[in-house]
All heavy atoms as atom14 arrays in JSON, in Angstrom:
{
  "sequence": "ESADGGASTAAEGEQVIIYSNADDEAIEAMKATLDANGYADQYMFQ",
  "atom14_mask": [
    [1, 1, 1, 1, 1, 1, 1, 1, 1, 0, 0, 0, 0, 0],
    [1, 1, 1, 1, 1, 1, 0, 0, 0, 0, 0, 0, 0, 0],
    [1, 1, 1, 1, 1, 0, 0, 0, 0, 0, 0, 0, 0, 0],
    [1, 1, 1, 1, 1, 1, 1, 1, 0, 0, 0, 0, 0, 0],
    [1, 1, 1, 1, 0, 0, 0, 0, 0, 0, 0, 0, 0, 0],
    [1, 1, 1, 1, 0, 0, 0, 0, 0, 0, 0, 0, 0, 0],
    [1, 1, 1, 1, 1, 0, 0, 0, 0, 0, 0, 0, 0, 0],
    [1, 1, 1, 1, 1, 1, 0, 0, 0, 0, 0, 0, 0, 0],
    [1, 1, 1, 1, 1, 1, 1, 0, 0, 0, 0, 0, 0, 0],
    [1, 1, 1, 1, 1, 0, 0, 0, 0, 0, 0, 0, 0, 0],
    [1, 1, 1, 1, 1, 0, 0, 0, 0, 0, 0, 0, 0, 0],
    [1, 1, 1, 1, 1, 1, 1, 1, 1, 0, 0, 0, 0, 0],
    [1, 1, 1, 1, 0, 0, 0, 0, 0, 0, 0, 0, 0, 0],
    [1, 1, 1, 1, 1, 1, 1, 1, 1, 0, 0, 0, 0, 0],
    [1, 1, 1, 1, 1, 1, 1, 1, 1, 0, 0, 0, 0, 0],
    [1, 1, 1, 1, 1, 1, 1, 0, 0, 0, 0, 0, 0, 0],
    [1, 1, 1, 1, 1, 1, 1, 1, 0, 0, 0, 0, 0, 0],
    [1, 1, 1, 1, 1, 1, 1, 1, 0, 0, 0, 0, 0, 0],
    [1, 1, 1, 1, 1, 1, 1, 1, 1, 1, 1, 1, 0, 0],
    [1, 1, 1, 1, 1, 1, 0, 0, 0, 0, 0, 0, 0, 0],
    [1, 1, 1, 1, 1, 1, 1, 1, 0, 0, 0, 0, 0, 0],
    [1, 1, 1, 1, 1, 0, 0, 0, 0, 0, 0, 0, 0, 0],
    [1, 1, 1, 1, 1, 1, 1, 1, 0, 0, 0, 0, 0, 0],
    [1, 1, 1, 1, 1, 1, 1, 1, 0, 0, 0, 0, 0, 0],
    [1, 1, 1, 1, 1, 1, 1, 1, 1, 0, 0, 0, 0, 0],
    [1, 1, 1, 1, 1, 0, 0, 0, 0, 0, 0, 0, 0, 0],
    [1, 1, 1, 1, 1, 1, 1, 1, 0, 0, 0, 0, 0, 0],
    [1, 1, 1, 1, 1, 1, 1, 1, 1, 0, 0, 0, 0, 0],
    [1, 1, 1, 1, 1, 0, 0, 0, 0, 0, 0, 0, 0, 0],
    [1, 1, 1, 1, 1, 1, 1, 1, 0, 0, 0, 0, 0, 0],
    [1, 1, 1, 1, 1, 1, 1, 1, 1, 0, 0, 0, 0, 0],
    [1, 1, 1, 1, 1, 0, 0, 0, 0, 0, 0, 0, 0, 0],
    [1, 1, 1, 1, 1, 1, 1, 0, 0, 0, 0, 0, 0, 0],
    [1, 1, 1, 1, 1, 1, 1, 1, 0, 0, 0, 0, 0, 0],
    [1, 1, 1, 1, 1, 1, 1, 1, 0, 0, 0, 0, 0, 0],
    [1, 1, 1, 1, 1, 0, 0, 0, 0, 0, 0, 0, 0, 0],
    [1, 1, 1, 1, 1, 1, 1, 1, 0, 0, 0, 0, 0, 0],
    [1, 1, 1, 1, 0, 0, 0, 0, 0, 0, 0, 0, 0, 0],
    [1, 1, 1, 1, 1, 1, 1, 1, 1, 1, 1, 1, 0, 0],
    [1, 1, 1, 1, 1, 0, 0, 0, 0, 0, 0, 0, 0, 0],
    [1, 1, 1, 1, 1, 1, 1, 1, 0, 0, 0, 0, 0, 0],
    [1, 1, 1, 1, 1, 1, 1, 1, 1, 0, 0, 0, 0, 0],
    [1, 1, 1, 1, 1, 1, 1, 1, 1, 1, 1, 1, 0, 0],
    [1, 1, 1, 1, 1, 1, 1, 1, 0, 0, 0, 0, 0, 0],
    [1, 1, 1, 1, 1, 1, 1, 1, 1, 1, 1, 0, 0, 0],
    [1, 1, 1, 1, 1, 1, 1, 1, 1, 0, 0, 0, 0, 0]
  ],
  "atom14_positions": [
    [[12.79, 4.3, -7.42], [12.44, 5.7, -7.56], [11.98, 6.0, -8.99], [12.6, 5.57, -9.96], [13.65, 6.57, -7.23], [14.06, 6.55, -5.78], [13.05, 7.19, -4.88], [12.52, 8.25, -5.27], [12.76, 6.65, -3.81], [0.0, 0.0, 0.0], [0.0, 0.0, 0.0], [0.0, 0.0, 0.0], [0.0, 0.0, 0.0], [0.0, 0.0, 0.0]],
    [[10.9, 6.74, -9.13], [10.44, 7.18, -10.44], [11.12, 8.5, -10.78], [11.84, 9.08, -9.98], [8.92, 7.35, -10.42], [8.55, 8.35, -9.5], [0.0, 0.0, 0.0], [0.0, 0.0, 0.0], [0.0, 0.0, 0.0], [0.0, 0.0, 0.0], [0.0, 0.0, 0.0], [0.0, 0.0, 0.0], [0.0, 0.0, 0.0], [0.0, 0.0, 0.0]],
    [[10.86, 8.99, -12.01], [11.53, 10.19, -12.48], [11.23, 11.4, -11.61], [12.05, 12.29, -11.45], [11.12, 10.47, -13.93], [0.0, 0.0, 0.0], [0.0, 0.0, 0.0], [0.0, 0.0, 0.0], [0.0, 0.0, 0.0], [0.0, 0.0, 0.0], [0.0, 0.0, 0.0], [0.0, 0.0, 0.0], [0.0, 0.0, 0.0], [0.0, 0.0, 0.0]],
    [[10.05, 11.43, -11.02], [9.7, 12.59, -10.19], [10.08, 12.39, -8.73], [9.73, 13.18, -7.87], [8.2, 12.9, -10.31], [7.32, 11.75, -9.82], [7.88, 10.72, -9.37], [6.09, 11.88, -9.89], [0.0, 0.0, 0.0], [0.0, 0.0, 0.0], [0.0, 0.0, 0.0], [0.0, 0.0, 0.0], [0.0, 0.0, 0.0], [0.0, 0.0, 0.0]],
    [[10.82, 11.3, -8.44], [11.31, 11.08, -7.08], [10.37, 10.27, -6.22], [10.72, 9.92, -5.11], [0.0, 0.0, 0.0], [0.0, 0.0, 0.0], [0.0, 0.0, 0.0], [0.0, 0.0, 0.0], [0.0, 0.0, 0.0], [0.0, 0.0, 0.0], [0.0, 0.0, 0.0], [0.0, 0.0, 0.0], [0.0, 0.0, 0.0], [0.0, 0.0, 0.0]],
    [[9.19, 9.92, -6.72], [8.26, 9.13, -5.92], [8.49, 7.65, -6.12], [9.18, 7.23, -7.05], [0.0, 0.0, 0.0], [0.0, 0.0, 0.0], [0.0, 0.0, 0.0], [0.0, 0.0, 0.0], [0.0, 0.0, 0.0], [0.0, 0.0, 0.0], [0.0, 0.0, 0.0], [0.0, 0.0, 0.0], [0.0, 0.0, 0.0], [0.0, 0.0, 0.0]],
    [[7.89, 6.83, -5.25], [8.04, 5.39, -5.38], [7.2, 4.9, -6.55], [6.07, 5.32, -6.75], [7.59, 4.69, -4.09], [0.0, 0.0, 0.0], [0.0, 0.0, 0.0], [0.0, 0.0, 0.0], [0.0, 0.0, 0.0], [0.0, 0.0, 0.0], [0.0, 0.0, 0.0], [0.0, 0.0, 0.0], [0.0, 0.0, 0.0], [0.0, 0.0, 0.0]],
    [[7.77, 3.98, -7.34], [7.02, 3.46, -8.49], [6.06, 2.38, -8.03], [6.25, 1.75, -7.01], [7.99, 2.89, -9.52], [8.66, 1.76, -9.0], [0.0, 0.0, 0.0], [0.0, 0.0, 0.0], [0.0, 0.0, 0.0], [0.0, 0.0, 0.0], [0.0, 0.0, 0.0], [0.0, 0.0, 0.0], [0.0, 0.0, 0.0], [0.0, 0.0, 0.0]],
    [[5.04, 2.16, -8.81], [4.06, 1.12, -8.49], [4.47, -0.18, -9.16], [5.36, -0.2, -10.0], [2.66, 1.53, -8.97], [2.73, 1.79, -10.38], [2.2, 2.77, -8.26], [0.0, 0.0, 0.0], [0.0, 0.0, 0.0], [0.0, 0.0, 0.0], [0.0, 0.0, 0.0], [0.0, 0.0, 0.0], [0.0, 0.0, 0.0], [0.0, 0.0, 0.0]],
    [[3.81, -1.29, -8.77], [4.11, -2.58, -9.37], [3.81, -2.54, -10.87], [2.82, -1.95, -11.3], [3.27, -3.67, -8.7], [0.0, 0.0, 0.0], [0.0, 0.0, 0.0], [0.0, 0.0, 0.0], [0.0, 0.0, 0.0], [0.0, 0.0, 0.0], [0.0, 0.0, 0.0], [0.0, 0.0, 0.0], [0.0, 0.0, 0.0], [0.0, 0.0, 0.0]],
    [[4.67, -3.14, -11.65], [4.5, -3.12, -13.09], [3.31, -3.98, -13.52], [2.98, -4.99, -12.88], [5.77, -3.63, -13.77], [0.0, 0.0, 0.0], [0.0, 0.0, 0.0], [0.0, 0.0, 0.0], [0.0, 0.0, 0.0], [0.0, 0.0, 0.0], [0.0, 0.0, 0.0], [0.0, 0.0, 0.0], [0.0, 0.0, 0.0], [0.0, 0.0, 0.0]],
    [[2.66, -3.57, -14.6], [1.53, -4.33, -15.13], [2.01, -5.71, -15.58], [3.06, -5.85, -16.19], [0.92, -3.58, -16.31], [0.16, -2.32, -15.94], [-1.1, -2.62, -15.13], [-1.7, -3.68, -15.37], [-1.45, -1.82, -14.26], [0.0, 0.0, 0.0], [0.0, 0.0, 0.0], [0.0, 0.0, 0.0], [0.0, 0.0, 0.0], [0.0, 0.0, 0.0]],
    [[1.23, -6.71, -15.3], [1.51, -8.05, -15.8], [2.51, -8.85, -15.0], [2.83, -9.97, -15.37], [0.0, 0.0, 0.0], [0.0, 0.0, 0.0], [0.0, 0.0, 0.0], [0.0, 0.0, 0.0], [0.0, 0.0, 0.0], [0.0, 0.0, 0.0], [0.0, 0.0, 0.0], [0.0, 0.0, 0.0], [0.0, 0.0, 0.0], [0.0, 0.0, 0.0]],
    [[3.05, -8.3, -13.9], [3.98, -9.07, -13.09], [3.27, -10.2, -12.37], [2.16, -10.03, -11.87], [4.66, -8.16, -12.06], [5.73, -7.26, -12.66], [6.51, -6.53, -11.58], [5.99, -6.42, -10.46], [7.62, -6.08, -11.87], [0.0, 0.0, 0.0], [0.0, 0.0, 0.0], [0.0, 0.0, 0.0], [0.0, 0.0, 0.0], [0.0, 0.0, 0.0]],
    [[3.92, -11.35, -12.32], [3.35, -12.47, -11.6], [3.32, -12.19, -10.1], [4.21, -11.55, -9.56], [4.16, -13.73, -11.85], [3.88, -14.42, -13.18], [4.54, -15.78, -13.23], [5.64, -15.98, -12.74], [3.87, -16.74, -13.83], [0.0, 0.0, 0.0], [0.0, 0.0, 0.0], [0.0, 0.0, 0.0], [0.0, 0.0, 0.0], [0.0, 0.0, 0.0]],
    [[2.29, -12.69, -9.45], [2.21, -12.66, -7.99], [3.03, -13.83, -7.46], [2.79, -14.98, -7.83], [0.75, -12.75, -7.51], [0.69, -12.94, -6.0], [-0.02, -11.51, -7.92], [0.0, 0.0, 0.0], [0.0, 0.0, 0.0], [0.0, 0.0, 0.0], [0.0, 0.0, 0.0], [0.0, 0.0, 0.0], [0.0, 0.0, 0.0], [0.0, 0.0, 0.0]],
    [[4.0, -13.53, -6.62], [4.83, -14.57, -6.01], [4.19, -14.98, -4.7], [3.96, -14.16, -3.82], [6.27, -14.07, -5.75], [6.89, -13.53, -7.05], [7.13, -15.19, -5.18], [6.96, -14.53, -8.17], [0.0, 0.0, 0.0], [0.0, 0.0, 0.0], [0.0, 0.0, 0.0], [0.0, 0.0, 0.0], [0.0, 0.0, 0.0], [0.0, 0.0, 0.0]],
    [[3.89, -16.27, -4.58], [3.22, -16.81, -3.39], [4.18, -17.76, -2.68], [4.6, -18.76, -3.26], [1.92, -17.55, -3.76], [1.0, -16.65, -4.59], [1.2, -18.02, -2.49], [-0.23, -17.37, -5.15], [0.0, 0.0, 0.0], [0.0, 0.0, 0.0], [0.0, 0.0, 0.0], [0.0, 0.0, 0.0], [0.0, 0.0, 0.0], [0.0, 0.0, 0.0]],
    [[4.56, -17.42, -1.45], [5.35, -18.31, -0.62], [4.39, -19.09, 0.28], [3.5, -18.49, 0.9], [6.31, -17.52, 0.28], [7.58, -17.04, -0.4], [7.81, -17.23, -1.77], [8.56, -16.38, 0.34], [8.98, -16.78, -2.36], [9.74, -15.93, -0.25], [9.94, -16.12, -1.6], [11.1, -15.67, -2.17], [0.0, 0.0, 0.0], [0.0, 0.0, 0.0]],
    [[4.6, -20.4, 0.39], [3.65, -21.22, 1.15], [4.35, -22.39, 1.83], [5.3, -22.97, 1.3], [2.57, -21.76, 0.2], [1.64, -22.56, 0.9], [0.0, 0.0, 0.0], [0.0, 0.0, 0.0], [0.0, 0.0, 0.0], [0.0, 0.0, 0.0], [0.0, 0.0, 0.0], [0.0, 0.0, 0.0], [0.0, 0.0, 0.0], [0.0, 0.0, 0.0]],
    [[3.85, -22.72, 3.02], [4.29, -23.93, 3.72], [3.25, -25.04, 3.6], [3.37, -26.09, 4.24], [4.51, -23.64, 5.21], [3.2, -23.49, 5.98], [2.27, -22.87, 5.48], [3.13, -24.04, 7.17], [0.0, 0.0, 0.0], [0.0, 0.0, 0.0], [0.0, 0.0, 0.0], [0.0, 0.0, 0.0], [0.0, 0.0, 0.0], [0.0, 0.0, 0.0]],
    [[2.24, -24.84, 2.75], [1.11, -25.77, 2.69], [1.51, -27.11, 2.09], [2.48, -27.22, 1.33], [-0.02, -25.15, 1.87], [0.0, 0.0, 0.0], [0.0, 0.0, 0.0], [0.0, 0.0, 0.0], [0.0, 0.0, 0.0], [0.0, 0.0, 0.0], [0.0, 0.0, 0.0], [0.0, 0.0, 0.0], [0.0, 0.0, 0.0], [0.0, 0.0, 0.0]],
    [[0.74, -28.14, 2.43], [0.92, -29.46, 1.84], [0.54, -29.42, 0.36], [-0.13, -28.5, -0.11], [0.04, -30.49, 2.55], [0.45, -30.7, 3.99], [1.65, -30.59, 4.29], [-0.44, -30.96, 4.83], [0.0, 0.0, 0.0], [0.0, 0.0, 0.0], [0.0, 0.0, 0.0], [0.0, 0.0, 0.0], [0.0, 0.0, 0.0], [0.0, 0.0, 0.0]],
    [[0.96, -30.46, -0.36], [0.7, -30.51, -1.81], [-0.78, -30.39, -2.13], [-1.16, -29.73, -3.11], [1.24, -31.82, -2.39], [2.76, -31.88, -2.39], [3.4, -30.82, -2.24], [3.31, -33.0, -2.53], [0.0, 0.0, 0.0], [0.0, 0.0, 0.0], [0.0, 0.0, 0.0], [0.0, 0.0, 0.0], [0.0, 0.0, 0.0], [0.0, 0.0, 0.0]],
    [[-1.62, -31.04, -1.31], [-3.07, -31.01, -1.59], [-3.61, -29.59, -1.53], [-4.44, -29.19, -2.36], [-3.83, -31.9, -0.6], [-3.53, -33.38, -0.72], [-2.33, -33.83, 0.09], [-1.59, -32.97, 0.61], [-2.12, -35.05, 0.2], [0.0, 0.0, 0.0], [0.0, 0.0, 0.0], [0.0, 0.0, 0.0], [0.0, 0.0, 0.0], [0.0, 0.0, 0.0]],
    [[-3.15, -28.81, -0.54], [-3.62, -27.43, -0.41], [-3.1, -26.56, -1.55], [-3.84, -25.72, -2.09], [-3.19, -26.85, 0.93], [0.0, 0.0, 0.0], [0.0, 0.0, 0.0], [0.0, 0.0, 0.0], [0.0, 0.0, 0.0], [0.0, 0.0, 0.0], [0.0, 0.0, 0.0], [0.0, 0.0, 0.0], [0.0, 0.0, 0.0], [0.0, 0.0, 0.0]],
    [[-1.84, -26.77, -1.94], [-1.27, -26.01, -3.06], [-2.08, -26.28, -4.33], [-2.45, -25.34, -5.06], [0.21, -26.4, -3.29], [1.07, -26.02, -2.09], [0.74, -25.73, -4.57], [1.27, -24.55, -1.89], [0.0, 0.0, 0.0], [0.0, 0.0, 0.0], [0.0, 0.0, 0.0], [0.0, 0.0, 0.0], [0.0, 0.0, 0.0], [0.0, 0.0, 0.0]],
    [[-2.37, -27.55, -4.59], [-3.11, -27.88, -5.81], [-4.53, -27.31, -5.77], [-5.05, -26.86, -6.8], [-3.16, -29.4, -6.0], [-1.82, -30.03, -6.34], [-1.15, -29.35, -7.54], [-1.82, -29.16, -8.57], [0.04, -29.0, -7.44], [0.0, 0.0, 0.0], [0.0, 0.0, 0.0], [0.0, 0.0, 0.0], [0.0, 0.0, 0.0], [0.0, 0.0, 0.0]],
    [[-5.14, -27.31, -4.6], [-6.48, -26.74, -4.47], [-6.46, -25.23, -4.74], [-7.35, -24.69, -5.42], [-7.04, -27.03, -3.08], [0.0, 0.0, 0.0], [0.0, 0.0, 0.0], [0.0, 0.0, 0.0], [0.0, 0.0, 0.0], [0.0, 0.0, 0.0], [0.0, 0.0, 0.0], [0.0, 0.0, 0.0], [0.0, 0.0, 0.0], [0.0, 0.0, 0.0]],
    [[-5.45, -24.54, -4.21], [-5.36, -23.1, -4.44], [-5.06, -22.79, -5.9], [-5.63, -21.85, -6.49], [-4.31, -22.49, -3.51], [-4.75, -22.44, -2.04], [-3.6, -21.53, -0.96], [-2.3, -22.76, -0.74], [0.0, 0.0, 0.0], [0.0, 0.0, 0.0], [0.0, 0.0, 0.0], [0.0, 0.0, 0.0], [0.0, 0.0, 0.0], [0.0, 0.0, 0.0]],
    [[-4.18, -23.57, -6.52], [-3.88, -23.37, -7.94], [-5.14, -23.57, -8.79], [-5.43, -22.78, -9.7], [-2.8, -24.35, -8.39], [-1.4, -24.01, -7.94], [-0.41, -25.04, -8.47], [1.03, -24.72, -8.1], [1.97, -25.76, -8.6], [0.0, 0.0, 0.0], [0.0, 0.0, 0.0], [0.0, 0.0, 0.0], [0.0, 0.0, 0.0], [0.0, 0.0, 0.0]],
    [[-5.88, -24.64, -8.51], [-7.09, -24.93, -9.29], [-8.1, -23.8, -9.15], [-8.76, -23.41, -10.12], [-7.7, -26.26, -8.83], [0.0, 0.0, 0.0], [0.0, 0.0, 0.0], [0.0, 0.0, 0.0], [0.0, 0.0, 0.0], [0.0, 0.0, 0.0], [0.0, 0.0, 0.0], [0.0, 0.0, 0.0], [0.0, 0.0, 0.0], [0.0, 0.0, 0.0]],
    [[-8.21, -23.24, -7.95], [-9.13, -22.13, -7.71], [-8.73, -20.9, -8.49], [-9.55, -20.26, -9.16], [-9.2, -21.8, -6.21], [-9.67, -22.96, -5.5], [-10.12, -20.63, -5.94], [0.0, 0.0, 0.0], [0.0, 0.0, 0.0], [0.0, 0.0, 0.0], [0.0, 0.0, 0.0], [0.0, 0.0, 0.0], [0.0, 0.0, 0.0], [0.0, 0.0, 0.0]],
    [[-7.45, -20.56, -8.43], [-6.97, -19.38, -9.16], [-7.13, -19.55, -10.66], [-7.58, -18.64, -11.36], [-5.5, -19.11, -8.8], [-5.24, -18.65, -7.36], [-3.73, -18.59, -7.07], [-5.88, -17.29, -7.09], [0.0, 0.0, 0.0], [0.0, 0.0, 0.0], [0.0, 0.0, 0.0], [0.0, 0.0, 0.0], [0.0, 0.0, 0.0], [0.0, 0.0, 0.0]],
    [[-6.78, -20.73, -11.17], [-6.89, -20.97, -12.6], [-8.34, -20.89, -13.07], [-8.64, -20.31, -14.14], [-6.32, -22.34, -12.96], [-4.8, -22.41, -12.81], [-4.18, -21.35, -12.58], [-4.25, -23.52, -12.9], [0.0, 0.0, 0.0], [0.0, 0.0, 0.0], [0.0, 0.0, 0.0], [0.0, 0.0, 0.0], [0.0, 0.0, 0.0], [0.0, 0.0, 0.0]],
    [[-9.24, -21.45, -12.28], [-10.66, -21.46, -12.66], [-11.29, -20.08, -12.62], [-12.36, -19.87, -13.2], [-11.44, -22.42, -11.75], [0.0, 0.0, 0.0], [0.0, 0.0, 0.0], [0.0, 0.0, 0.0], [0.0, 0.0, 0.0], [0.0, 0.0, 0.0], [0.0, 0.0, 0.0], [0.0, 0.0, 0.0], [0.0, 0.0, 0.0], [0.0, 0.0, 0.0]],
    [[-10.64, -19.16, -11.94], [-11.2, -17.81, -11.8], [-10.4, -16.75, -12.56], [-10.45, -15.56, -12.23], [-11.31, -17.45, -10.32], [-12.45, -18.19, -9.63], [-13.59, -17.74, -9.65], [-12.14, -19.32, -9.02], [0.0, 0.0, 0.0], [0.0, 0.0, 0.0], [0.0, 0.0, 0.0], [0.0, 0.0, 0.0], [0.0, 0.0, 0.0], [0.0, 0.0, 0.0]],
    [[-9.67, -17.2, -13.59], [-9.05, -16.25, -14.51], [-7.65, -15.82, -14.18], [-7.13, -14.88, -14.8], [0.0, 0.0, 0.0], [0.0, 0.0, 0.0], [0.0, 0.0, 0.0], [0.0, 0.0, 0.0], [0.0, 0.0, 0.0], [0.0, 0.0, 0.0], [0.0, 0.0, 0.0], [0.0, 0.0, 0.0], [0.0, 0.0, 0.0], [0.0, 0.0, 0.0]],
    [[-6.96, -16.48, -13.23], [-5.62, -16.06, -12.83], [-4.52, -17.01, -13.29], [-3.38, -16.92, -12.81], [-5.55, -15.9, -11.31], [-6.44, -14.81, -10.78], [-7.61, -15.12, -10.09], [-6.13, -13.47, -10.99], [-8.45, -14.12, -9.6], [-6.96, -12.46, -10.51], [-8.12, -12.79, -9.82], [-8.94, -11.8, -9.35], [0.0, 0.0, 0.0], [0.0, 0.0, 0.0]],
    [[-4.82, -17.91, -14.23], [-3.81, -18.83, -14.73], [-2.61, -18.05, -15.27], [-2.77, -17.02, -15.93], [-4.41, -19.72, -15.83], [0.0, 0.0, 0.0], [0.0, 0.0, 0.0], [0.0, 0.0, 0.0], [0.0, 0.0, 0.0], [0.0, 0.0, 0.0], [0.0, 0.0, 0.0], [0.0, 0.0, 0.0], [0.0, 0.0, 0.0], [0.0, 0.0, 0.0]],
    [[-1.42, -18.55, -14.97], [-0.15, -17.96, -15.44], [0.14, -16.58, -14.86], [1.08, -15.9, -15.29], [-0.12, -17.86, -16.97], [-0.31, -19.21, -17.65], [0.25, -20.2, -17.13], [-1.02, -19.28, -18.66], [0.0, 0.0, 0.0], [0.0, 0.0, 0.0], [0.0, 0.0, 0.0], [0.0, 0.0, 0.0], [0.0, 0.0, 0.0], [0.0, 0.0, 0.0]],
    [[-0.64, -16.15, -13.86], [-0.4, -14.83, -13.26], [0.19, -14.93, -11.86], [0.28, -13.93, -11.16], [-1.71, -14.03, -13.23], [-2.28, -13.72, -14.6], [-3.52, -12.85, -14.51], [-3.47, -11.71, -14.07], [-4.65, -13.41, -14.92], [0.0, 0.0, 0.0], [0.0, 0.0, 0.0], [0.0, 0.0, 0.0], [0.0, 0.0, 0.0], [0.0, 0.0, 0.0]],
    [[0.59, -16.14, -11.47], [1.15, -16.35, -10.14], [2.21, -17.44, -10.2], [2.29, -18.21, -11.17], [0.06, -16.76, -9.14], [-0.59, -18.08, -9.52], [-0.05, -19.29, -9.1], [-1.73, -18.11, -10.33], [-0.62, -20.5, -9.48], [-2.31, -19.31, -10.7], [-1.75, -20.5, -10.28], [-2.3, -21.69, -10.66], [0.0, 0.0, 0.0], [0.0, 0.0, 0.0]],
    [[3.03, -17.53, -9.15], [4.02, -18.58, -9.02], [4.14, -18.95, -7.55], [4.35, -18.08, -6.7], [5.37, -18.14, -9.55], [6.44, -19.24, -9.47], [8.04, -18.73, -10.17], [8.56, -17.56, -8.92], [0.0, 0.0, 0.0], [0.0, 0.0, 0.0], [0.0, 0.0, 0.0], [0.0, 0.0, 0.0], [0.0, 0.0, 0.0], [0.0, 0.0, 0.0]],
    [[3.97, -20.24, -7.24], [4.13, -20.73, -5.87], [5.58, -21.16, -5.62], [6.21, -21.77, -6.48], [3.24, -21.95, -5.63], [1.85, -21.63, -5.15], [0.81, -21.46, -6.05], [1.59, -21.48, -3.79], [-0.47, -21.17, -5.61], [0.31, -21.19, -3.35], [-0.72, -21.04, -4.26], [0.0, 0.0, 0.0], [0.0, 0.0, 0.0], [0.0, 0.0, 0.0]],
    [[6.09, -20.83, -4.45], [7.33, -21.4, -3.93], [7.02, -21.98, -2.56], [6.43, -21.3, -1.71], [8.42, -20.34, -3.82], [9.05, -19.96, -5.14], [10.27, -19.07, -4.95], [10.21, -17.86, -5.1], [11.39, -19.68, -4.61], [0.0, 0.0, 0.0], [0.0, 0.0, 0.0], [0.0, 0.0, 0.0], [0.0, 0.0, 0.0], [0.0, 0.0, 0.0]]
  ]
}
């Protein structure tokens, strides 16, 4: 809850948490894609 009673939005700079059942090859491919497009250090895979 925010001070005015409304729901707060996601905080700036928070990492995107990604849950995945993918194989290692798919995880590495997705990481490489995100890193190459400016999202390095802005996500975390579990």
